[in-house]
Amino acid sequence: MTATQPPLTTHRFAMRFSSTPRGARLARRLCGHRLDSWGIPYGSAVHDALVLVVAELCANAVRHGHVAGRDFHVLLGADPATGTVRIDVSDTRGERLPRIRTTPPDDSGGRGLLLVEALADRWGCTPRVDGPGKTVWAECVVPGGNR
């Protein structure tokens, strides 16, 4: 008798990264690879948008959430049944909460959350559950999400 497993209904990728630009770049690349392996192919508009959201959240964790000696954490999940991809990026700096600028950004940056706001269906910030800090999350509904 052969046991059968129920179909996989969710995908999950989690990893800690050094709170450096190199760590943020690695997180972006690994999340891009996972999305491709989950059926959201490289070069598609959906893939590019999701990777951009990952990149912006990771860059913010490094730039605004950095605490010396502490890493940031990425949790990427996809639910093919609902077509939703969720990106959680946690850092250890709970007192610096994300906010969208109401003044024009200068040349040194400030557009990241505007991009997240434009690309994600929902986003927000919650206290980190596994230690000090916060988790900034974004959810994107993928067209034809039954993968």
N, C-alpha and C. Protein backbone atom coordinates (compact mmCIF):
# COMPACT_ATOMS: atom_id res chain seq x y z
N MET A 1 0.84 -1.17 0.00
CA MET A 1 0.00 0.00 0.00
C MET A 1 0.89 1.24 0.00
N THR A 2 0.61 2.16 -0.89
CA THR A 2 1.40 3.38 -1.00
C THR A 2 0.66 4.52 -0.33
N ALA A 3 1.36 5.21 0.55
CA ALA A 3 0.77 6.37 1.20
C ALA A 3 0.87 7.57 0.26
N THR A 4 -0.17 8.32 0.21
CA THR A 4 -0.14 9.53 -0.61
C THR A 4 -0.15 10.75 0.28
N GLN A 5 0.55 11.76 -0.17
CA GLN A 5 0.58 13.01 0.58
C GLN A 5 -0.44 13.96 -0.01
N PRO A 6 -1.01 14.79 0.84
CA PRO A 6 -1.92 15.80 0.30
C PRO A 6 -1.11 16.79 -0.55
N PRO A 7 -1.75 17.44 -1.50
CA PRO A 7 -1.01 18.39 -2.33
C PRO A 7 -0.47 19.54 -1.49
N LEU A 8 0.70 20.03 -1.88
CA LEU A 8 1.32 21.16 -1.19
C LEU A 8 0.46 22.39 -1.42
N THR A 9 0.03 23.02 -0.34
CA THR A 9 -0.83 24.18 -0.50
C THR A 9 -0.11 25.49 -0.24
N THR A 10 1.01 25.45 0.42
CA THR A 10 1.74 26.69 0.66
C THR A 10 3.22 26.46 0.43
N HIS A 11 3.88 27.54 0.08
CA HIS A 11 5.33 27.55 -0.04
C HIS A 11 5.88 28.46 1.04
N ARG A 12 7.10 28.15 1.50
CA ARG A 12 7.69 28.94 2.59
C ARG A 12 9.20 28.94 2.45
N PHE A 13 9.78 30.12 2.62
CA PHE A 13 11.23 30.28 2.64
C PHE A 13 11.55 31.26 3.75
N ALA A 14 12.47 30.88 4.64
CA ALA A 14 12.87 31.76 5.74
C ALA A 14 14.38 31.68 5.92
N MET A 15 14.98 32.84 6.18
CA MET A 15 16.43 32.87 6.39
C MET A 15 16.82 34.18 7.07
N ARG A 16 17.90 34.11 7.84
CA ARG A 16 18.50 35.31 8.44
C ARG A 16 19.63 35.77 7.55
N PHE A 17 19.82 37.10 7.52
CA PHE A 17 20.86 37.70 6.70
C PHE A 17 21.60 38.75 7.51
N SER A 18 22.88 38.94 7.17
CA SER A 18 23.64 39.99 7.84
C SER A 18 23.02 41.33 7.48
N SER A 19 22.99 42.23 8.44
CA SER A 19 22.38 43.53 8.24
C SER A 19 23.35 44.46 7.51
N THR A 20 23.63 44.10 6.27
CA THR A 20 24.56 44.83 5.41
C THR A 20 23.96 44.91 4.01
N PRO A 21 24.46 45.81 3.17
CA PRO A 21 23.98 45.82 1.78
C PRO A 21 24.16 44.47 1.09
N ARG A 22 25.25 43.78 1.41
CA ARG A 22 25.48 42.46 0.82
C ARG A 22 24.40 41.46 1.26
N GLY A 23 24.02 41.53 2.54
CA GLY A 23 22.95 40.66 3.05
C GLY A 23 21.62 40.95 2.36
N ALA A 24 21.32 42.24 2.15
CA ALA A 24 20.08 42.61 1.47
C ALA A 24 20.09 42.11 0.03
N ARG A 25 21.22 42.21 -0.64
CA ARG A 25 21.34 41.74 -2.03
C ARG A 25 21.16 40.23 -2.10
N LEU A 26 21.75 39.50 -1.15
CA LEU A 26 21.61 38.05 -1.12
C LEU A 26 20.15 37.65 -0.86
N ALA A 27 19.49 38.35 0.04
CA ALA A 27 18.08 38.07 0.32
C ALA A 27 17.23 38.26 -0.94
N ARG A 28 17.47 39.34 -1.66
CA ARG A 28 16.74 39.60 -2.90
C ARG A 28 16.95 38.47 -3.91
N ARG A 29 18.20 38.06 -4.08
CA ARG A 29 18.50 37.01 -5.06
C ARG A 29 17.87 35.67 -4.68
N LEU A 30 17.97 35.31 -3.40
CA LEU A 30 17.40 34.03 -2.97
C LEU A 30 15.88 34.03 -3.05
N CYS A 31 15.25 35.14 -2.70
CA CYS A 31 13.79 35.22 -2.83
C CYS A 31 13.38 35.15 -4.29
N GLY A 32 14.13 35.80 -5.17
CA GLY A 32 13.84 35.71 -6.60
C GLY A 32 13.93 34.29 -7.11
N HIS A 33 14.94 33.57 -6.64
CA HIS A 33 15.10 32.16 -7.03
C HIS A 33 13.92 31.33 -6.54
N ARG A 34 13.52 31.55 -5.28
CA ARG A 34 12.38 30.80 -4.73
C ARG A 34 11.10 31.07 -5.51
N LEU A 35 10.84 32.33 -5.81
CA LEU A 35 9.64 32.65 -6.56
C LEU A 35 9.62 31.94 -7.90
N ASP A 36 10.77 31.90 -8.58
CA ASP A 36 10.87 31.20 -9.85
C ASP A 36 10.57 29.71 -9.67
N SER A 37 11.13 29.11 -8.63
CA SER A 37 10.91 27.68 -8.40
C SER A 37 9.46 27.39 -8.00
N TRP A 38 8.75 28.40 -7.50
CA TRP A 38 7.34 28.23 -7.13
C TRP A 38 6.40 28.52 -8.29
N GLY A 39 6.94 28.80 -9.47
CA GLY A 39 6.10 29.01 -10.63
C GLY A 39 5.85 30.46 -11.00
N ILE A 40 6.57 31.38 -10.39
CA ILE A 40 6.48 32.79 -10.76
C ILE A 40 7.81 33.10 -11.45
N PRO A 41 7.85 32.99 -12.79
CA PRO A 41 9.12 32.93 -13.51
C PRO A 41 9.90 34.25 -13.57
N TYR A 42 11.23 34.08 -13.59
CA TYR A 42 12.12 35.22 -13.81
C TYR A 42 11.66 35.99 -15.04
N GLY A 43 11.76 37.29 -14.99
CA GLY A 43 11.46 38.12 -16.14
C GLY A 43 9.99 38.47 -16.31
N SER A 44 9.12 37.82 -15.54
CA SER A 44 7.70 38.18 -15.63
C SER A 44 7.46 39.45 -14.81
N ALA A 45 6.43 40.19 -15.17
CA ALA A 45 6.12 41.43 -14.45
C ALA A 45 5.83 41.15 -12.98
N VAL A 46 5.14 40.06 -12.69
CA VAL A 46 4.81 39.71 -11.30
C VAL A 46 6.09 39.41 -10.52
N HIS A 47 6.98 38.62 -11.10
CA HIS A 47 8.24 38.29 -10.45
C HIS A 47 9.04 39.56 -10.16
N ASP A 48 9.15 40.42 -11.16
CA ASP A 48 9.92 41.65 -11.00
C ASP A 48 9.34 42.54 -9.90
N ALA A 49 8.01 42.63 -9.84
CA ALA A 49 7.37 43.45 -8.81
C ALA A 49 7.60 42.88 -7.42
N LEU A 50 7.46 41.56 -7.28
CA LEU A 50 7.68 40.93 -5.98
C LEU A 50 9.13 41.09 -5.52
N VAL A 51 10.06 40.90 -6.42
CA VAL A 51 11.48 41.04 -6.06
C VAL A 51 11.79 42.49 -5.69
N LEU A 52 11.16 43.45 -6.34
CA LEU A 52 11.37 44.85 -5.98
C LEU A 52 10.85 45.14 -4.57
N VAL A 53 9.71 44.57 -4.22
CA VAL A 53 9.19 44.73 -2.85
C VAL A 53 10.15 44.11 -1.85
N VAL A 54 10.64 42.91 -2.12
CA VAL A 54 11.63 42.27 -1.25
C VAL A 54 12.85 43.17 -1.10
N ALA A 55 13.36 43.67 -2.23
CA ALA A 55 14.56 44.51 -2.21
C ALA A 55 14.36 45.76 -1.36
N GLU A 56 13.23 46.41 -1.51
CA GLU A 56 12.98 47.64 -0.75
C GLU A 56 12.84 47.37 0.74
N LEU A 57 12.11 46.31 1.10
CA LEU A 57 11.95 46.00 2.53
C LEU A 57 13.28 45.60 3.16
N CYS A 58 14.10 44.84 2.43
CA CYS A 58 15.41 44.44 2.95
C CYS A 58 16.35 45.64 3.06
N ALA A 59 16.33 46.50 2.05
CA ALA A 59 17.17 47.71 2.10
C ALA A 59 16.78 48.58 3.29
N ASN A 60 15.48 48.71 3.56
CA ASN A 60 15.04 49.48 4.72
C ASN A 60 15.47 48.84 6.03
N ALA A 61 15.43 47.51 6.09
CA ALA A 61 15.88 46.82 7.31
C ALA A 61 17.36 47.10 7.58
N VAL A 62 18.14 47.15 6.51
CA VAL A 62 19.59 47.42 6.66
C VAL A 62 19.82 48.89 6.99
N ARG A 63 19.14 49.77 6.28
CA ARG A 63 19.41 51.20 6.42
C ARG A 63 18.79 51.79 7.69
N HIS A 64 17.57 51.41 8.01
CA HIS A 64 16.86 52.04 9.12
C HIS A 64 16.66 51.13 10.33
N GLY A 65 16.84 49.83 10.16
CA GLY A 65 16.60 48.89 11.25
C GLY A 65 17.85 48.24 11.79
N HIS A 66 19.00 48.68 11.31
CA HIS A 66 20.27 48.05 11.68
C HIS A 66 20.62 48.31 13.15
N VAL A 67 20.98 47.25 13.83
CA VAL A 67 21.56 47.31 15.16
C VAL A 67 22.84 46.49 15.08
N ALA A 68 23.94 47.06 15.52
CA ALA A 68 25.23 46.38 15.41
C ALA A 68 25.17 44.97 15.98
N GLY A 69 25.67 44.02 15.21
CA GLY A 69 25.72 42.63 15.65
C GLY A 69 24.41 41.87 15.51
N ARG A 70 23.40 42.48 14.95
CA ARG A 70 22.10 41.82 14.79
C ARG A 70 21.77 41.66 13.32
N ASP A 71 21.19 40.52 12.96
CA ASP A 71 20.80 40.23 11.60
C ASP A 71 19.36 40.66 11.35
N PHE A 72 18.94 40.62 10.10
CA PHE A 72 17.52 40.77 9.79
C PHE A 72 17.02 39.42 9.25
N HIS A 73 15.73 39.22 9.30
CA HIS A 73 15.13 37.95 8.95
C HIS A 73 14.09 38.15 7.85
N VAL A 74 14.09 37.25 6.88
CA VAL A 74 13.11 37.30 5.79
C VAL A 74 12.27 36.03 5.83
N LEU A 75 10.98 36.20 5.72
CA LEU A 75 10.05 35.09 5.57
C LEU A 75 9.23 35.37 4.32
N LEU A 76 9.34 34.48 3.36
CA LEU A 76 8.62 34.60 2.09
C LEU A 76 7.65 33.43 2.02
N GLY A 77 6.41 33.72 1.77
CA GLY A 77 5.42 32.65 1.68
C GLY A 77 4.50 32.86 0.50
N ALA A 78 4.04 31.77 -0.08
CA ALA A 78 3.08 31.83 -1.18
C ALA A 78 2.00 30.80 -0.94
N ASP A 79 0.78 31.22 -1.10
CA ASP A 79 -0.36 30.33 -0.96
C ASP A 79 -1.02 30.20 -2.33
N PRO A 80 -0.75 29.11 -3.04
CA PRO A 80 -1.33 28.95 -4.38
C PRO A 80 -2.86 28.94 -4.39
N ALA A 81 -3.47 28.53 -3.30
CA ALA A 81 -4.93 28.47 -3.26
C ALA A 81 -5.55 29.87 -3.34
N THR A 82 -4.91 30.85 -2.73
CA THR A 82 -5.44 32.21 -2.75
C THR A 82 -4.68 33.11 -3.73
N GLY A 83 -3.54 32.64 -4.20
CA GLY A 83 -2.72 33.44 -5.10
C GLY A 83 -2.00 34.58 -4.40
N THR A 84 -1.79 34.45 -3.09
CA THR A 84 -1.18 35.52 -2.32
C THR A 84 0.27 35.19 -1.98
N VAL A 85 1.14 36.15 -2.21
CA VAL A 85 2.53 36.06 -1.78
C VAL A 85 2.71 37.06 -0.65
N ARG A 86 3.30 36.60 0.45
CA ARG A 86 3.53 37.47 1.61
C ARG A 86 5.03 37.55 1.86
N ILE A 87 5.50 38.76 2.10
CA ILE A 87 6.90 39.03 2.38
C ILE A 87 6.97 39.67 3.76
N ASP A 88 7.68 39.04 4.69
CA ASP A 88 7.92 39.59 6.03
C ASP A 88 9.40 39.85 6.18
N VAL A 89 9.77 41.05 6.57
CA VAL A 89 11.17 41.37 6.85
C VAL A 89 11.23 41.94 8.26
N SER A 90 11.97 41.25 9.12
CA SER A 90 12.06 41.63 10.53
C SER A 90 13.45 42.15 10.85
N ASP A 91 13.48 43.24 11.62
CA ASP A 91 14.75 43.76 12.13
C ASP A 91 14.62 43.96 13.63
N THR A 92 15.67 44.39 14.28
CA THR A 92 15.66 44.48 15.73
C THR A 92 15.50 45.90 16.25
N ARG A 93 15.06 46.80 15.40
CA ARG A 93 14.91 48.19 15.79
C ARG A 93 13.44 48.57 15.83
N GLY A 94 12.79 48.31 16.96
CA GLY A 94 11.36 48.52 17.08
C GLY A 94 10.93 49.96 17.21
N GLU A 95 11.85 50.84 17.59
CA GLU A 95 11.47 52.24 17.81
C GLU A 95 11.42 53.05 16.51
N ARG A 96 11.96 52.51 15.42
CA ARG A 96 11.94 53.24 14.13
C ARG A 96 10.92 52.57 13.22
N LEU A 97 9.71 53.08 13.27
CA LEU A 97 8.63 52.49 12.49
C LEU A 97 8.60 53.08 11.08
N PRO A 98 8.21 52.28 10.10
CA PRO A 98 8.17 52.78 8.72
C PRO A 98 7.04 53.78 8.53
N ARG A 99 7.30 54.74 7.67
CA ARG A 99 6.27 55.70 7.30
C ARG A 99 6.56 56.18 5.89
N ILE A 100 5.51 56.47 5.18
CA ILE A 100 5.65 57.01 3.83
C ILE A 100 5.87 58.51 3.97
N ARG A 101 6.87 59.00 3.26
CA ARG A 101 7.17 60.43 3.31
C ARG A 101 6.05 61.24 2.68
N THR A 102 5.75 62.36 3.31
CA THR A 102 4.75 63.26 2.74
C THR A 102 5.42 64.42 2.02
N THR A 103 6.73 64.57 2.22
CA THR A 103 7.48 65.60 1.50
C THR A 103 8.24 64.92 0.38
N PRO A 104 8.57 65.66 -0.65
CA PRO A 104 9.32 65.04 -1.75
C PRO A 104 10.66 64.48 -1.26
N PRO A 105 11.00 63.24 -1.67
CA PRO A 105 12.27 62.67 -1.24
C PRO A 105 13.44 63.41 -1.87
N ASP A 106 14.55 63.43 -1.16
CA ASP A 106 15.75 64.05 -1.73
C ASP A 106 16.50 63.00 -2.54
N ASP A 107 17.64 63.37 -3.08
CA ASP A 107 18.40 62.47 -3.93
C ASP A 107 19.01 61.29 -3.18
N SER A 108 19.01 61.33 -1.85
CA SER A 108 19.63 60.24 -1.10
C SER A 108 18.68 59.08 -0.83
N GLY A 109 17.47 59.17 -1.31
CA GLY A 109 16.55 58.04 -1.14
C GLY A 109 15.18 58.50 -0.67
N GLY A 110 14.45 57.58 -0.07
CA GLY A 110 13.14 57.91 0.46
C GLY A 110 11.98 57.47 -0.40
N ARG A 111 12.25 56.68 -1.43
CA ARG A 111 11.17 56.24 -2.31
C ARG A 111 10.74 54.80 -2.08
N GLY A 112 11.43 54.08 -1.22
CA GLY A 112 11.19 52.65 -1.04
C GLY A 112 9.78 52.30 -0.65
N LEU A 113 9.25 52.94 0.38
CA LEU A 113 7.89 52.61 0.81
C LEU A 113 6.84 53.10 -0.17
N LEU A 114 7.16 54.14 -0.94
CA LEU A 114 6.24 54.55 -2.01
C LEU A 114 6.12 53.43 -3.04
N LEU A 115 7.23 52.77 -3.36
CA LEU A 115 7.20 51.63 -4.28
C LEU A 115 6.42 50.47 -3.69
N VAL A 116 6.67 50.17 -2.42
CA VAL A 116 5.94 49.08 -1.75
C VAL A 116 4.45 49.39 -1.76
N GLU A 117 4.08 50.62 -1.43
CA GLU A 117 2.68 51.03 -1.44
C GLU A 117 2.05 50.84 -2.82
N ALA A 118 2.79 51.16 -3.87
CA ALA A 118 2.27 51.06 -5.22
C ALA A 118 2.16 49.62 -5.71
N LEU A 119 3.09 48.77 -5.30
CA LEU A 119 3.15 47.40 -5.83
C LEU A 119 2.39 46.37 -5.01
N ALA A 120 2.30 46.58 -3.71
CA ALA A 120 1.65 45.59 -2.84
C ALA A 120 0.16 45.88 -2.73
N ASP A 121 -0.62 44.83 -2.53
CA ASP A 121 -2.05 45.01 -2.29
C ASP A 121 -2.30 45.48 -0.86
N ARG A 122 -1.46 45.04 0.06
CA ARG A 122 -1.54 45.43 1.47
C ARG A 122 -0.13 45.43 2.03
N TRP A 123 0.13 46.30 2.99
CA TRP A 123 1.41 46.25 3.70
C TRP A 123 1.21 46.88 5.07
N GLY A 124 2.13 46.59 5.96
CA GLY A 124 2.02 47.15 7.30
C GLY A 124 3.22 46.78 8.15
N CYS A 125 3.09 47.07 9.42
CA CYS A 125 4.18 46.83 10.36
C CYS A 125 3.58 46.30 11.66
N THR A 126 4.22 45.28 12.23
CA THR A 126 3.79 44.71 13.50
C THR A 126 5.01 44.53 14.40
N PRO A 127 4.81 44.46 15.71
CA PRO A 127 5.94 44.15 16.59
C PRO A 127 6.47 42.76 16.27
N ARG A 128 7.75 42.59 16.39
CA ARG A 128 8.38 41.30 16.12
C ARG A 128 7.99 40.31 17.21
N VAL A 129 7.60 39.10 16.82
CA VAL A 129 7.12 38.13 17.80
C VAL A 129 8.25 37.32 18.44
N ASP A 130 9.38 37.22 17.76
CA ASP A 130 10.47 36.36 18.27
C ASP A 130 11.64 37.15 18.84
N GLY A 131 11.39 38.34 19.32
CA GLY A 131 12.46 39.14 19.90
C GLY A 131 12.17 40.61 19.76
N PRO A 132 13.15 41.44 20.10
CA PRO A 132 12.93 42.88 19.97
C PRO A 132 12.87 43.29 18.51
N GLY A 133 12.13 44.35 18.24
CA GLY A 133 12.10 44.89 16.89
C GLY A 133 10.72 44.88 16.28
N LYS A 134 10.73 44.90 14.94
CA LYS A 134 9.48 44.98 14.19
C LYS A 134 9.56 44.10 12.96
N THR A 135 8.40 43.80 12.40
CA THR A 135 8.29 43.11 11.13
C THR A 135 7.49 43.99 10.19
N VAL A 136 8.09 44.31 9.06
CA VAL A 136 7.38 45.03 8.01
C VAL A 136 6.98 43.97 6.98
N TRP A 137 5.71 43.96 6.62
CA TRP A 137 5.20 42.92 5.74
C TRP A 137 4.47 43.54 4.55
N ALA A 138 4.40 42.76 3.50
CA ALA A 138 3.63 43.16 2.32
C ALA A 138 3.00 41.91 1.73
N GLU A 139 1.78 42.07 1.22
CA GLU A 139 1.09 40.98 0.55
C GLU A 139 0.73 41.41 -0.86
N CYS A 140 0.94 40.51 -1.79
CA CYS A 140 0.64 40.76 -3.19
C CYS A 140 -0.19 39.60 -3.72
N VAL A 141 -1.30 39.92 -4.36
CA VAL A 141 -2.11 38.89 -4.99
C VAL A 141 -1.58 38.71 -6.40
N VAL A 142 -1.24 37.46 -6.73
CA VAL A 142 -0.65 37.13 -8.02
C VAL A 142 -1.76 36.73 -8.97
N PRO A 143 -1.87 37.41 -10.12
CA PRO A 143 -2.90 37.02 -11.09
C PRO A 143 -2.72 35.56 -11.51
N GLY A 144 -3.81 34.82 -11.59
CA GLY A 144 -3.73 33.39 -11.93
C GLY A 144 -2.96 32.63 -10.88
N GLY A 145 -3.20 32.98 -9.61
CA GLY A 145 -2.39 32.50 -8.50
C GLY A 145 -2.47 31.03 -8.19
N ASN A 146 -3.31 30.24 -8.83
CA ASN A 146 -3.38 28.81 -8.54
C ASN A 146 -2.22 28.10 -9.19
N ARG A 147 -1.07 28.11 -8.54
CA ARG A 147 0.14 27.51 -9.10
C ARG A 147 0.44 26.22 -8.39
